Amino acid sequence: SLLIGRGGETMRSLQTILTAMLHGQGFDERVNLDVAGYKEQRAEKMAEKAHDWIKEVRETGGSRVEKLGAADRRIVHKVAQEYDDIETFSEGFGRDRKIVIAQKTS
């Protein structure tokens, strides 16, 4: 947990430092640091939430707006592709960016 940090913050910071160090040495590859499968576990939990949110949208006929980071929004978009009657889109800018989950209009 020391390397992961609260909400993965330490791990993301280490990834940024590692990326900067490697880029300084001429490596242009993207670096993805994962400690003890944290990112995979988090992605699975986010996918479960996405399924729950989609179920809620289908039941209520409304929409749902969630403020999420880029990686989490990407997961929700991917999960939503499994549903023919659901659409997702992002709105806002920077840290205020949100994902909207809604039923497709015909």
Protein backbone atom coordinates (compact mmCIF):
# COMPACT_ATOMS: atom_id res chain seq x y z
CA SER A 1 0.00 0.00 0.00
CA LEU A 2 2.98 2.31 0.50
CA LEU A 3 3.85 2.19 -3.23
CA ILE A 4 0.22 2.54 -4.31
CA GLY A 5 -0.77 5.41 -2.01
CA ARG A 6 -4.22 6.82 -1.45
CA GLY A 7 -6.32 6.24 -4.57
CA GLY A 8 -3.18 5.24 -6.49
CA GLU A 9 -1.64 8.71 -6.18
CA THR A 10 1.84 7.52 -5.19
CA MET A 11 1.88 4.95 -7.98
CA ARG A 12 0.85 7.58 -10.55
CA SER A 13 3.55 9.93 -9.27
CA LEU A 14 6.17 7.19 -9.53
CA GLN A 15 4.98 6.47 -13.07
CA THR A 16 5.35 10.15 -13.99
CA ILE A 17 8.87 10.30 -12.54
CA LEU A 18 9.87 7.08 -14.29
CA THR A 19 8.46 8.34 -17.60
CA ALA A 20 10.36 11.63 -17.27
CA MET A 21 13.59 9.82 -16.46
CA LEU A 22 13.25 7.45 -19.42
CA HIS A 23 12.27 10.23 -21.84
CA GLY A 24 15.35 12.14 -20.67
CA GLN A 25 17.42 9.14 -21.74
CA GLY A 26 15.81 9.09 -25.20
CA PHE A 27 13.16 6.40 -24.65
CA ASP A 28 9.84 7.33 -26.23
CA GLU A 29 7.82 4.32 -25.06
CA ARG A 30 4.80 4.83 -22.86
CA VAL A 31 5.34 3.68 -19.27
CA ASN A 32 2.58 1.94 -17.35
CA LEU A 33 3.40 1.19 -13.71
CA ASP A 34 1.09 -1.16 -11.82
CA VAL A 35 1.73 -2.38 -8.29
CA ALA A 36 0.21 -5.71 -7.20
CA GLY A 37 -2.46 -5.59 -9.91
CA TYR A 38 -3.99 -2.41 -8.46
CA LYS A 39 -5.00 -0.94 -11.83
CA GLU A 40 -6.65 -4.17 -12.98
CA GLN A 41 -8.60 -4.49 -9.73
CA ARG A 42 -9.68 -0.85 -9.93
CA ALA A 43 -10.77 -1.32 -13.56
CA GLU A 44 -12.89 -4.33 -12.58
CA LYS A 45 -14.58 -2.34 -9.79
CA MET A 46 -15.22 0.58 -12.17
CA ALA A 47 -16.72 -1.78 -14.74
CA GLU A 48 -19.08 -3.16 -12.06
CA LYS A 49 -20.13 0.40 -11.16
CA ALA A 50 -20.67 1.17 -14.84
CA HIS A 51 -22.99 -1.84 -15.21
CA ASP A 52 -24.93 -0.69 -12.12
CA TRP A 53 -25.21 2.88 -13.44
CA ILE A 54 -26.39 1.60 -16.83
CA LYS A 55 -28.98 -0.61 -15.14
CA GLU A 56 -30.23 2.45 -13.22
CA VAL A 57 -30.44 4.53 -16.41
CA ARG A 58 -32.37 1.78 -18.17
CA GLU A 59 -34.81 1.45 -15.25
CA THR A 60 -35.43 5.17 -14.73
CA GLY A 61 -35.21 6.32 -18.34
CA GLY A 62 -33.11 9.26 -17.18
CA SER A 63 -29.40 9.85 -17.36
CA ARG A 64 -26.50 9.74 -14.96
CA VAL A 65 -23.57 12.15 -14.70
CA GLU A 66 -20.36 11.15 -12.94
CA LYS A 67 -17.18 13.14 -12.39
CA LEU A 68 -14.41 10.67 -13.25
CA GLY A 69 -10.79 10.71 -14.30
CA ALA A 70 -9.79 9.87 -17.86
CA ALA A 71 -8.96 6.21 -17.19
CA ASP A 72 -12.27 5.60 -15.41
CA ARG A 73 -14.25 7.40 -18.13
CA ARG A 74 -12.57 5.19 -20.72
CA ILE A 75 -13.70 2.09 -18.82
CA VAL A 76 -17.31 3.33 -18.62
CA HIS A 77 -17.32 4.14 -22.35
CA LYS A 78 -16.05 0.63 -23.10
CA VAL A 79 -18.67 -1.05 -20.88
CA ALA A 80 -21.45 1.05 -22.41
CA GLN A 81 -20.54 -0.28 -25.87
CA GLU A 82 -22.00 -3.63 -24.74
CA TYR A 83 -25.48 -2.05 -24.66
CA ASP A 84 -27.33 -1.12 -27.86
CA ASP A 85 -29.70 1.26 -26.07
CA ILE A 86 -27.09 3.21 -24.06
CA GLU A 87 -24.82 6.05 -25.09
CA THR A 88 -22.06 7.82 -23.22
CA PHE A 89 -20.23 11.05 -23.82
CA SER A 90 -17.89 13.29 -21.90
CA GLU A 91 -18.44 16.96 -21.25
CA GLY A 92 -16.53 19.69 -19.50
CA PHE A 93 -12.83 20.46 -19.40
CA GLY A 94 -9.84 19.47 -17.31
CA ARG A 95 -10.58 18.33 -13.78
CA ASP A 96 -14.25 19.24 -14.25
CA ARG A 97 -14.72 16.70 -17.06
CA LYS A 98 -17.68 14.37 -16.51
CA ILE A 99 -19.19 11.37 -18.23
CA VAL A 100 -22.87 11.25 -19.11
CA ILE A 101 -24.65 7.90 -19.38
CA ALA A 102 -28.01 8.08 -21.14
CA GLN A 103 -30.45 6.07 -23.18
CA LYS A 104 -30.06 6.46 -26.93
CA THR A 105 -32.74 8.53 -28.54
CA SER A 106 -34.41 7.08 -31.61
